[in-house]
Amino acid sequence: MFDNLSDRLSGTVKKLRGQARLTEDNIKDALRDVRMALLEADVALPVVREFIDKVKVRAVGTEVISSISPGQAFIKVVDDELVEIMGKSNEDLDLRAQPPAIILMAGLQGAGKTTTAGKLAKLLKDRHSKKVSVVSCDVYRPAAIKQLETVAGQVDAGFIASSVDQSPIDIAKFALEEAKKTFADVLIVDTAGRLHVDAEMMDEIKGIHAAINPVETLFVVDSMTGQDAANTAKAFDDALPLTGVVLTKADGDARGGAALSVRHVTGKPIKFVGMGEKLDALEPFHPDRMASRILGMGDVLSLVEDAQRSVDHKQAQKLAKKLNKGKGFDLEDLREQMLQMEKMGGMAGLMDKLPGMGNIPQGVKDNANDKQVGQMVAIINSMTPQERRFPDVIKGSRKKRIANGSGMQVQDVNRLLKQHKQMSKMMKKFKNGGMKKMMRSMQGQLPPGMGGGMPPGGGPGGF
């Protein structure tokens, strides 16, 4: 998400090098570049105009202190305004209500309401320990009810059955009574979508809203529709008391126009963003973190939160003890690390959140893909327990058998073994304070701004 915008903004910053002060003249070209970048990202024109005006007012006359460059000073202003336009801070769901707290899902057909209902149920269950039930009021789309039942089963949420011969309002009322009987904390109500906004659709969802009085009414919208997403959200907001927006398919949106337009156009906060097809790929929307990603500064806070949720800490401690005892880093350990990485969103998810990824060549990014990680796991899965523990025994005939078993080539097996050997050598340096030596040796190899300024003792943890 925001790949194109990030590239354009990083190029703009480079043009401001060597200036002692930000003036109207020397930021004129930078503002023009930012304006074009936002328009190309399909941000709504009124949003672009207001954004540029605010940046100009704040940036002109800003002194560039000795510790930062003009580009960094300009980026700070842009960062602040991006956060402002997207909503300042994350706004969580307000579930303070007599159980069950009702969440109504609204949106056009194809936006991903049903999948998002399942994702939200999983998030509330896993992160907030809520007992969640779901119901479908979509009596028009073939198999819509069955789809929600399947999704509910996958996330272990309660499913309240409905049928196409019932009225959507009756379904919603019945579901509320059933949710009370089963002591559900939250009831998520999925509604029908249309290919476009129409009066009949709005009247129906208004009736459902009036019948069950939800505490949250979320508008689900496909982020790839750009500023059209904001315009559609406005139409729904005029008809319904929306409490927030969920942007779906954001992982496939390189522009990001919807994220930058929705809050300004509707006045409603973006509460969640869907970052993939998996049912755990729903993230709370943090404007400050998203602005940091747009400007190529990464999102370390989200990365840490992902690690806390996804990493098996017992397994990590076990590996640390093993390495400290001088035992080798075997292929089973490598496999476990790759599976942990997949839980955190894979290589794409990690690279999106790491600072400085905007400066990495596109060729390197393309090579670091999750398909290769999956292939490496498949190769290791094709090995015997002995081969995983003692990789040196893997010779000619064993390599052929492993390649055939994983559907790969012998050269792929060789590449994996070579990578594992390199990692094993690095892991040995963790033993007996070797981390200090490794960090010192890396300092001389890193480019400026990527560790070259670390103190001799190592990184910020004082290794």
Protein backbone atom coordinates (compact mmCIF):
# COMPACT_ATOMS: atom_id res chain seq x y z
CA MET A 1 0.00 0.00 0.00
CA PHE A 2 1.17 3.56 -0.81
CA ASP A 3 4.19 2.25 -2.79
CA ASN A 4 3.86 4.84 -5.57
CA LEU A 5 3.28 7.72 -3.15
CA SER A 6 6.26 6.68 -1.00
CA ASP A 7 8.56 6.59 -4.04
CA ARG A 8 7.48 10.04 -5.20
CA LEU A 9 7.86 11.62 -1.75
CA SER A 10 11.34 10.15 -1.18
CA GLY A 11 12.45 11.69 -4.49
CA THR A 12 10.99 15.05 -3.45
CA VAL A 13 12.98 15.09 -0.20
CA LYS A 14 16.27 14.55 -2.04
CA LYS A 15 15.72 17.79 -3.99
CA LEU A 16 15.80 19.83 -0.77
CA ARG A 17 19.34 18.86 0.25
CA GLY A 18 21.76 21.69 0.99
CA GLN A 19 19.16 24.33 1.88
CA ALA A 20 19.63 26.29 5.13
CA ARG A 21 16.00 27.33 5.37
CA LEU A 22 12.70 26.23 3.89
CA THR A 23 11.36 29.12 1.82
CA GLU A 24 8.44 29.52 -0.55
CA ASP A 25 10.85 29.35 -3.50
CA ASN A 26 12.79 26.23 -2.55
CA ILE A 27 9.72 24.22 -1.55
CA LYS A 28 7.68 25.27 -4.58
CA ASP A 29 8.88 22.31 -6.64
CA ALA A 30 8.54 20.00 -3.63
CA LEU A 31 4.91 21.02 -3.10
CA ARG A 32 4.21 20.56 -6.82
CA ASP A 33 5.68 17.05 -6.60
CA VAL A 34 3.60 16.25 -3.50
CA ARG A 35 0.45 17.56 -5.22
CA MET A 36 1.07 15.38 -8.28
CA ALA A 37 1.89 12.38 -6.09
CA LEU A 38 -1.39 12.73 -4.18
CA LEU A 39 -3.44 13.17 -7.38
CA GLU A 40 -1.77 10.10 -8.91
CA ALA A 41 -2.64 8.24 -5.68
CA ASP A 42 -6.30 9.07 -6.51
CA VAL A 43 -6.79 11.31 -3.48
CA ALA A 44 -9.91 13.51 -3.76
CA LEU A 45 -9.10 16.96 -5.18
CA PRO A 46 -10.53 18.99 -2.21
CA VAL A 47 -8.38 16.89 0.14
CA VAL A 48 -5.26 17.55 -1.96
CA ARG A 49 -5.88 21.32 -2.04
CA GLU A 50 -6.37 21.60 1.71
CA PHE A 51 -3.40 19.34 2.43
CA ILE A 52 -1.01 21.34 0.22
CA ASP A 53 -2.20 24.66 1.69
CA LYS A 54 -1.59 23.45 5.24
CA VAL A 55 1.85 22.03 4.42
CA LYS A 56 2.86 25.27 2.72
CA VAL A 57 1.79 27.44 5.67
CA ARG A 58 3.63 25.25 8.18
CA ALA A 59 6.78 24.62 6.11
CA VAL A 60 7.62 28.12 4.80
CA GLY A 61 10.03 29.86 7.14
CA THR A 62 10.90 26.71 9.09
CA GLU A 63 14.50 26.95 10.28
CA VAL A 64 16.62 23.91 9.51
CA ILE A 65 18.49 23.15 12.72
CA SER A 66 21.96 21.65 12.49
CA SER A 67 20.89 18.15 13.51
CA ILE A 68 18.43 17.67 10.64
CA SER A 69 18.39 18.27 6.91
CA PRO A 70 15.87 20.43 5.01
CA GLY A 71 14.37 17.26 3.59
CA GLN A 72 13.81 15.88 7.09
CA ALA A 73 12.27 19.18 8.24
CA PHE A 74 9.88 19.09 5.27
CA ILE A 75 9.06 15.44 5.88
CA LYS A 76 8.18 16.26 9.52
CA VAL A 77 5.62 18.80 8.32
CA VAL A 78 4.19 16.37 5.73
CA ASP A 79 4.07 13.60 8.35
CA ASP A 80 2.13 15.79 10.80
CA GLU A 81 -0.39 16.78 8.13
CA LEU A 82 -0.84 13.18 6.92
CA VAL A 83 -1.67 12.15 10.48
CA GLU A 84 -4.06 15.10 10.79
CA ILE A 85 -5.90 14.28 7.57
CA MET A 86 -6.26 10.57 8.40
CA GLY A 87 -7.57 11.14 11.90
CA LYS A 88 -4.79 11.77 14.47
CA SER A 89 -5.15 8.47 16.36
CA ASN A 90 -6.74 5.03 16.19
CA GLU A 91 -10.38 4.96 17.24
CA ASP A 92 -11.34 1.57 18.63
CA LEU A 93 -14.78 -0.02 18.58
CA ASP A 94 -17.09 1.25 21.32
CA LEU A 95 -18.61 -1.93 22.71
CA ARG A 96 -19.77 -0.44 26.00
CA ALA A 97 -23.35 -1.65 25.83
CA GLN A 98 -25.65 -4.20 27.41
CA PRO A 99 -24.52 -7.50 25.76
CA PRO A 100 -24.75 -8.30 23.00
CA ALA A 101 -23.11 -5.18 21.53
CA ILE A 102 -24.33 -5.07 17.92
CA ILE A 103 -22.06 -4.26 14.97
CA LEU A 104 -23.84 -3.61 11.66
CA MET A 105 -21.82 -4.09 8.46
CA ALA A 106 -22.80 -1.93 5.47
CA GLY A 107 -21.35 -1.47 1.99
CA LEU A 108 -21.59 -2.23 -1.70
CA GLN A 109 -21.53 -5.73 -3.19
CA GLY A 110 -18.00 -7.07 -3.63
CA ALA A 111 -16.43 -4.82 -0.99
CA GLY A 112 -15.72 -7.81 1.25
CA LYS A 113 -18.36 -7.38 4.00
CA THR A 114 -18.83 -11.08 4.70
CA THR A 115 -15.11 -11.86 4.92
CA THR A 116 -14.59 -8.73 7.02
CA ALA A 117 -17.35 -9.87 9.39
CA GLY A 118 -15.38 -13.10 9.91
CA LYS A 119 -12.09 -11.25 10.32
CA LEU A 120 -13.63 -8.90 12.87
CA ALA A 121 -15.13 -11.83 14.79
CA LYS A 122 -11.69 -13.45 14.96
CA LEU A 123 -10.01 -10.21 16.07
CA LEU A 124 -12.58 -9.64 18.86
CA LYS A 125 -12.31 -13.25 19.98
CA ASP A 126 -8.50 -13.51 19.91
CA ARG A 127 -7.46 -10.03 21.11
CA HIS A 128 -10.40 -9.02 23.31
CA SER A 129 -11.66 -12.43 24.54
CA LYS A 130 -15.20 -11.72 23.32
CA LYS A 131 -17.82 -14.36 22.59
CA VAL A 132 -19.01 -13.43 19.09
CA SER A 133 -22.05 -14.49 17.05
CA VAL A 134 -22.69 -13.60 13.39
CA VAL A 135 -25.79 -13.52 11.19
CA SER A 136 -26.42 -12.80 7.50
CA CYS A 137 -29.33 -10.60 6.40
CA ASP A 138 -28.32 -10.96 2.74
CA VAL A 139 -31.25 -12.83 1.17
CA TYR A 140 -30.40 -11.75 -2.39
CA ARG A 141 -26.89 -12.96 -3.19
CA PRO A 142 -26.67 -16.69 -3.93
CA ALA A 143 -24.88 -18.62 -1.16
CA ALA A 144 -24.25 -15.47 0.94
CA ILE A 145 -25.64 -17.12 4.08
CA LYS A 146 -23.63 -20.29 3.46
CA GLN A 147 -20.46 -18.21 2.95
CA LEU A 148 -20.87 -16.54 6.35
CA GLU A 149 -21.54 -19.92 7.98
CA THR A 150 -18.27 -21.24 6.50
CA VAL A 151 -16.30 -18.20 7.65
CA ALA A 152 -17.84 -18.39 11.13
CA GLY A 153 -16.76 -22.02 11.39
CA GLN A 154 -13.20 -21.11 10.40
CA VAL A 155 -12.90 -18.46 13.15
CA ASP A 156 -14.91 -20.40 15.75
CA ALA A 157 -17.67 -17.78 16.01
CA GLY A 158 -21.32 -18.57 16.74
CA PHE A 159 -23.46 -18.72 13.58
CA ILE A 160 -27.16 -17.82 13.70
CA ALA A 161 -28.96 -19.45 10.79
CA SER A 162 -31.22 -17.53 8.41
CA SER A 163 -32.94 -18.29 5.09
CA VAL A 164 -33.78 -16.47 1.86
CA ASP A 165 -37.56 -16.63 2.49
CA GLN A 166 -37.25 -14.40 5.59
CA SER A 167 -37.22 -10.61 5.59
CA PRO A 168 -33.87 -9.02 6.51
CA ILE A 169 -35.46 -7.08 9.42
CA ASP A 170 -37.02 -10.27 10.87
CA ILE A 171 -33.64 -12.03 10.57
CA ALA A 172 -31.92 -9.22 12.50
CA LYS A 173 -34.55 -9.22 15.27
CA PHE A 174 -34.41 -13.02 15.64
CA ALA A 175 -30.60 -12.97 15.71
CA LEU A 176 -30.61 -10.42 18.54
CA GLU A 177 -32.84 -12.69 20.66
CA GLU A 178 -30.68 -15.74 19.87
CA ALA A 179 -27.49 -13.84 20.77
CA LYS A 180 -29.03 -12.92 24.14
CA LYS A 181 -29.98 -16.55 24.80
CA THR A 182 -26.43 -17.77 24.09
CA PHE A 183 -24.87 -14.94 26.17
CA ALA A 184 -22.87 -13.57 23.23
CA ASP A 185 -20.82 -10.45 23.98
CA VAL A 186 -20.98 -9.20 20.39
CA LEU A 187 -23.40 -9.77 17.48
CA ILE A 188 -22.10 -8.95 13.99
CA VAL A 189 -24.87 -8.40 11.43
CA ASP A 190 -23.88 -8.80 7.77
CA THR A 191 -26.18 -7.01 5.30
CA ALA A 192 -26.84 -7.19 1.57
CA GLY A 193 -24.88 -5.05 -0.87
CA ARG A 194 -25.77 -3.74 -4.30
CA LEU A 195 -23.63 -2.91 -7.31
CA HIS A 196 -24.44 0.75 -6.68
CA VAL A 197 -26.19 2.93 -4.12
CA ASP A 198 -29.99 2.81 -4.57
CA ALA A 199 -33.04 3.92 -2.57
CA GLU A 200 -34.32 0.37 -1.98
CA MET A 201 -31.01 -0.72 -0.51
CA MET A 202 -30.81 2.32 1.78
CA ASP A 203 -34.41 1.87 2.99
CA GLU A 204 -33.74 -1.77 3.87
CA ILE A 205 -30.56 -1.11 5.86
CA LYS A 206 -32.24 1.87 7.61
CA GLY A 207 -35.00 -0.54 8.69
CA ILE A 208 -32.48 -3.05 10.03
CA HIS A 209 -30.65 -0.28 11.87
CA ALA A 210 -33.86 0.98 13.48
CA ALA A 211 -34.91 -2.55 14.52
CA ILE A 212 -31.69 -3.51 16.35
CA ASN A 213 -30.04 -0.16 17.23
CA PRO A 214 -26.37 -1.14 16.73
CA VAL A 215 -23.59 0.46 18.79
CA GLU A 216 -21.30 0.38 15.74
CA THR A 217 -22.29 0.83 12.09
CA LEU A 218 -19.24 0.13 9.95
CA PHE A 219 -19.01 0.99 6.26
CA VAL A 220 -16.90 -1.60 4.43
CA VAL A 221 -15.26 -0.32 1.25
CA ASP A 222 -12.74 -1.59 -1.30
CA SER A 223 -9.68 0.68 -0.99
CA MET A 224 -8.75 0.06 -4.63
CA THR A 225 -11.71 2.19 -5.75
CA GLY A 226 -9.70 5.25 -4.65
CA GLN A 227 -11.60 8.50 -4.14
CA ASP A 228 -14.81 6.74 -5.25
CA ALA A 229 -14.56 4.92 -1.91
CA ALA A 230 -14.83 8.26 -0.11
CA ASN A 231 -17.78 9.37 -2.27
CA THR A 232 -19.67 6.11 -1.64
CA ALA A 233 -18.93 6.36 2.08
CA LYS A 234 -20.42 9.88 2.03
CA ALA A 235 -23.63 8.54 0.43
CA PHE A 236 -23.97 5.89 3.13
CA ASP A 237 -23.13 8.40 5.87
CA ASP A 238 -25.97 10.64 4.65
CA ALA A 239 -28.39 7.71 5.03
CA LEU A 240 -27.00 5.98 8.13
CA PRO A 241 -25.33 7.14 11.35
CA LEU A 242 -21.98 5.55 10.46
CA THR A 243 -19.49 5.17 13.31
CA GLY A 244 -16.48 4.13 11.24
CA VAL A 245 -15.00 2.77 8.03
CA VAL A 246 -13.19 -0.49 7.21
CA LEU A 247 -10.86 -0.37 4.18
CA THR A 248 -10.51 -3.76 2.51
CA LYS A 249 -7.94 -5.08 -0.01
CA ALA A 250 -5.42 -2.45 1.07
CA ASP A 251 -2.54 -4.87 0.39
CA GLY A 252 -3.39 -4.71 -3.33
CA ASP A 253 -3.69 -0.92 -3.41
CA ALA A 254 -0.42 0.77 -4.40
CA ARG A 255 -2.02 4.24 -4.44
CA GLY A 256 -3.80 4.70 -1.09
CA GLY A 257 -6.21 7.44 -2.21
CA ALA A 258 -9.10 6.01 -0.18
CA ALA A 259 -7.17 6.04 3.09
CA LEU A 260 -6.26 9.70 2.58
CA SER A 261 -9.74 10.81 1.46
CA VAL A 262 -12.31 8.93 3.55
CA ARG A 263 -11.86 10.76 6.85
CA HIS A 264 -11.85 14.20 5.24
CA VAL A 265 -14.91 13.55 3.06
CA THR A 266 -17.08 11.71 5.62
CA GLY A 267 -15.75 12.95 8.95
CA LYS A 268 -15.82 9.32 10.10
CA PRO A 269 -12.70 7.48 11.31
CA ILE A 270 -11.08 4.56 9.52
CA LYS A 271 -11.17 1.90 12.26
CA PHE A 272 -9.71 -1.13 10.49
CA VAL A 273 -7.79 -1.97 7.34
CA GLY A 274 -7.78 -5.36 5.60
CA MET A 275 -4.26 -6.33 4.51
CA GLY A 276 -4.79 -9.73 2.87
CA GLU A 277 -7.16 -12.64 2.25
CA LYS A 278 -6.36 -14.59 5.42
CA LEU A 279 -8.87 -14.31 8.25
CA ASP A 280 -6.29 -12.80 10.60
CA ALA A 281 -5.35 -10.07 8.10
CA LEU A 282 -7.32 -7.24 9.70
CA GLU A 283 -5.40 -4.46 11.46
CA PRO A 284 -6.57 -1.53 13.57
CA PHE A 285 -5.92 1.64 11.57
CA HIS A 286 -3.33 3.92 13.20
CA PRO A 287 -2.97 7.19 11.21
CA ASP A 288 0.44 7.99 12.74
CA ARG A 289 1.82 4.57 11.84
CA MET A 290 0.30 4.70 8.35
CA ALA A 291 1.87 8.14 7.75
CA SER A 292 5.21 6.69 8.83
CA ARG A 293 4.83 3.88 6.26
CA ILE A 294 3.92 6.35 3.51
CA LEU A 295 7.09 8.33 4.19
CA GLY A 296 9.29 5.21 4.15
CA MET A 297 9.95 5.29 7.91
CA GLY A 298 8.37 1.93 8.59
CA ASP A 299 5.98 0.91 11.33
CA VAL A 300 8.05 -0.61 14.09
CA LEU A 301 5.27 -0.41 16.71
CA SER A 302 2.95 -2.62 14.63
CA LEU A 303 5.87 -4.96 13.96
CA VAL A 304 6.48 -5.35 17.71
CA GLU A 305 2.77 -5.95 18.32
CA ASP A 306 2.72 -8.59 15.57
CA ALA A 307 5.69 -10.31 17.20
CA GLN A 308 4.07 -10.27 20.63
CA ARG A 309 0.90 -11.85 19.25
CA SER A 310 2.38 -14.27 16.74
CA VAL A 311 5.77 -15.44 17.99
CA ASP A 312 5.91 -18.58 20.11
CA HIS A 313 7.93 -17.19 23.02
CA LYS A 314 8.58 -20.61 24.56
CA GLN A 315 9.99 -21.79 21.25
CA ALA A 316 12.16 -18.65 21.01
CA GLN A 317 13.55 -19.19 24.53
CA LYS A 318 14.22 -22.82 23.73
CA LEU A 319 16.23 -21.83 20.64
CA ALA A 320 18.17 -19.19 22.61
CA LYS A 321 19.13 -21.74 25.28
CA LYS A 322 20.13 -24.21 22.60
CA LEU A 323 22.42 -21.68 20.91
CA ASN A 324 23.94 -20.58 24.23
CA LYS A 325 24.85 -24.19 24.97
CA GLY A 326 26.81 -24.25 21.73
CA LYS A 327 24.40 -26.55 19.90
CA GLY A 328 23.97 -25.91 16.20
CA PHE A 329 21.16 -24.13 14.39
CA ASP A 330 19.65 -27.01 12.42
CA LEU A 331 17.12 -27.12 9.59
CA GLU A 332 14.24 -27.78 12.01
CA ASP A 333 15.09 -24.47 13.70
CA LEU A 334 15.18 -22.71 10.31
CA ARG A 335 11.78 -24.16 9.41
CA GLU A 336 10.32 -22.97 12.72
CA GLN A 337 11.65 -19.43 12.16
CA MET A 338 10.11 -19.26 8.68
CA LEU A 339 6.72 -20.47 9.97
CA GLN A 340 6.85 -17.80 12.70
CA MET A 341 7.59 -15.19 10.04
CA GLU A 342 4.57 -16.32 8.01
CA LYS A 343 2.38 -15.78 11.09
CA MET A 344 3.59 -12.17 11.19
CA GLY A 345 2.43 -11.51 7.62
CA GLY A 346 5.31 -13.03 5.69
CA MET A 347 8.16 -11.20 3.98
CA ALA A 348 5.83 -8.66 2.36
CA GLY A 349 4.26 -7.78 5.70
CA LEU A 350 7.64 -7.45 7.40
CA MET A 351 9.21 -5.33 4.66
CA ASP A 352 6.20 -3.01 4.65
CA LYS A 353 6.80 -2.21 8.33
CA LEU A 354 10.61 -2.00 8.38
CA PRO A 355 12.17 1.48 8.21
CA GLY A 356 14.20 2.33 5.10
CA MET A 357 12.51 -0.22 2.84
CA GLY A 358 11.76 2.57 0.36
CA ASN A 359 15.48 2.74 -0.44
CA ILE A 360 15.75 -0.97 -1.22
CA PRO A 361 15.91 -1.67 -4.99
CA GLN A 362 12.70 -3.09 -6.43
CA GLY A 363 14.57 -6.15 -7.68
CA VAL A 364 15.56 -7.05 -4.12
CA LYS A 365 11.96 -6.59 -2.92
CA ASP A 366 10.67 -8.82 -5.72
CA ASN A 367 13.13 -11.58 -4.79
CA ALA A 368 12.20 -11.46 -1.10
CA ASN A 369 8.77 -12.96 -1.60
CA ASP A 370 6.61 -15.32 0.43
CA LYS A 371 6.52 -17.88 -2.38
CA GLN A 372 10.23 -18.60 -1.81
CA VAL A 373 9.65 -18.96 1.94
CA GLY A 374 6.90 -21.51 1.22
CA GLN A 375 9.22 -23.40 -1.13
CA MET A 376 11.94 -23.54 1.55
CA VAL A 377 9.47 -24.89 4.10
CA ALA A 378 8.31 -27.52 1.56
CA ILE A 379 11.93 -28.65 0.99
CA ILE A 380 12.56 -29.03 4.73
CA ASN A 381 9.25 -30.90 5.15
CA SER A 382 10.50 -33.44 2.59
CA MET A 383 13.51 -34.31 4.77
CA THR A 384 13.71 -36.98 7.43
CA PRO A 385 14.09 -35.91 11.11
CA GLN A 386 17.74 -37.04 10.96
CA GLU A 387 18.44 -34.91 7.86
CA ARG A 388 16.93 -31.84 9.53
CA ARG A 389 19.11 -32.28 12.61
CA PHE A 390 22.28 -33.22 10.69
CA PRO A 391 22.24 -31.40 7.30
CA ASP A 392 25.77 -32.59 6.46
CA VAL A 393 24.41 -36.10 5.69
CA ILE A 394 22.42 -34.70 2.75
CA LYS A 395 24.35 -35.77 -0.35
CA GLY A 396 23.53 -36.65 -3.99
CA SER A 397 20.78 -39.29 -3.74
CA ARG A 398 19.20 -37.67 -0.70
CA LYS A 399 19.08 -34.30 -2.50
CA LYS A 400 17.25 -35.90 -5.46
CA ARG A 401 14.72 -37.56 -3.14
CA ILE A 402 14.10 -34.31 -1.24
CA ALA A 403 13.74 -32.33 -4.48
CA ASN A 404 11.22 -34.83 -5.88
CA GLY A 405 9.29 -34.93 -2.62
CA SER A 406 8.92 -31.14 -2.50
CA GLY A 407 8.31 -30.62 -6.21
CA MET A 408 11.52 -28.59 -6.50
CA GLN A 409 14.88 -28.91 -8.27
CA VAL A 410 18.18 -30.17 -6.81
CA GLN A 411 19.65 -26.68 -7.20
CA ASP A 412 16.83 -25.36 -4.97
CA VAL A 413 17.86 -27.85 -2.28
CA ASN A 414 21.52 -26.77 -2.69
CA ARG A 415 20.52 -23.12 -2.33
CA LEU A 416 18.62 -23.84 0.88
CA LEU A 417 21.53 -25.78 2.36
CA LYS A 418 23.92 -22.94 1.50
CA GLN A 419 21.64 -20.35 3.11
CA HIS A 420 21.29 -22.51 6.20
CA LYS A 421 25.06 -22.86 6.50
CA GLN A 422 25.48 -19.08 6.35
CA MET A 423 22.81 -18.61 9.01
CA SER A 424 24.42 -21.25 11.22
CA LYS A 425 27.72 -19.35 11.15
CA MET A 426 25.96 -16.14 12.14
CA MET A 427 24.02 -17.86 14.93
CA LYS A 428 27.26 -19.10 16.49
CA LYS A 429 28.24 -15.47 17.08
CA PHE A 430 25.36 -15.10 19.54
CA LYS A 431 27.27 -17.37 21.94
CA ASN A 432 29.65 -15.94 24.58
CA GLY A 433 28.96 -12.27 23.86
CA GLY A 434 29.62 -12.65 20.16
CA MET A 435 26.79 -10.25 19.40
CA LYS A 436 29.05 -7.30 20.28
CA LYS A 437 31.70 -8.45 17.80
CA MET A 438 29.10 -9.05 15.12
CA MET A 439 27.58 -5.58 15.55
CA ARG A 440 31.04 -3.94 15.46
CA SER A 441 31.99 -5.79 12.31
CA MET A 442 28.67 -4.84 10.68
CA GLN A 443 29.12 -1.14 11.49
CA GLY A 444 31.93 -0.75 9.00
CA GLN A 445 29.86 -2.44 6.28
CA LEU A 446 26.57 -0.57 6.72
CA PRO A 447 25.80 2.53 4.66
CA PRO A 448 25.28 5.87 6.45
CA GLY A 449 21.97 6.03 8.32
CA MET A 450 21.70 2.26 8.73
CA GLY A 451 23.72 1.58 11.83
CA GLY A 452 26.93 3.44 11.09
CA GLY A 453 26.29 5.76 14.02
CA MET A 454 25.89 3.07 16.67
CA PRO A 455 28.02 3.23 19.80
CA PRO A 456 30.87 0.72 20.05
CA GLY A 457 28.87 -1.38 22.54
CA GLY A 458 26.40 -2.41 19.87
CA GLY A 459 22.76 -1.51 19.30
CA PRO A 460 20.25 0.25 21.50
CA GLY A 461 19.90 -2.81 23.71
CA GLY A 462 23.54 -2.48 24.83
CA PHE A 463 24.63 -5.93 23.63
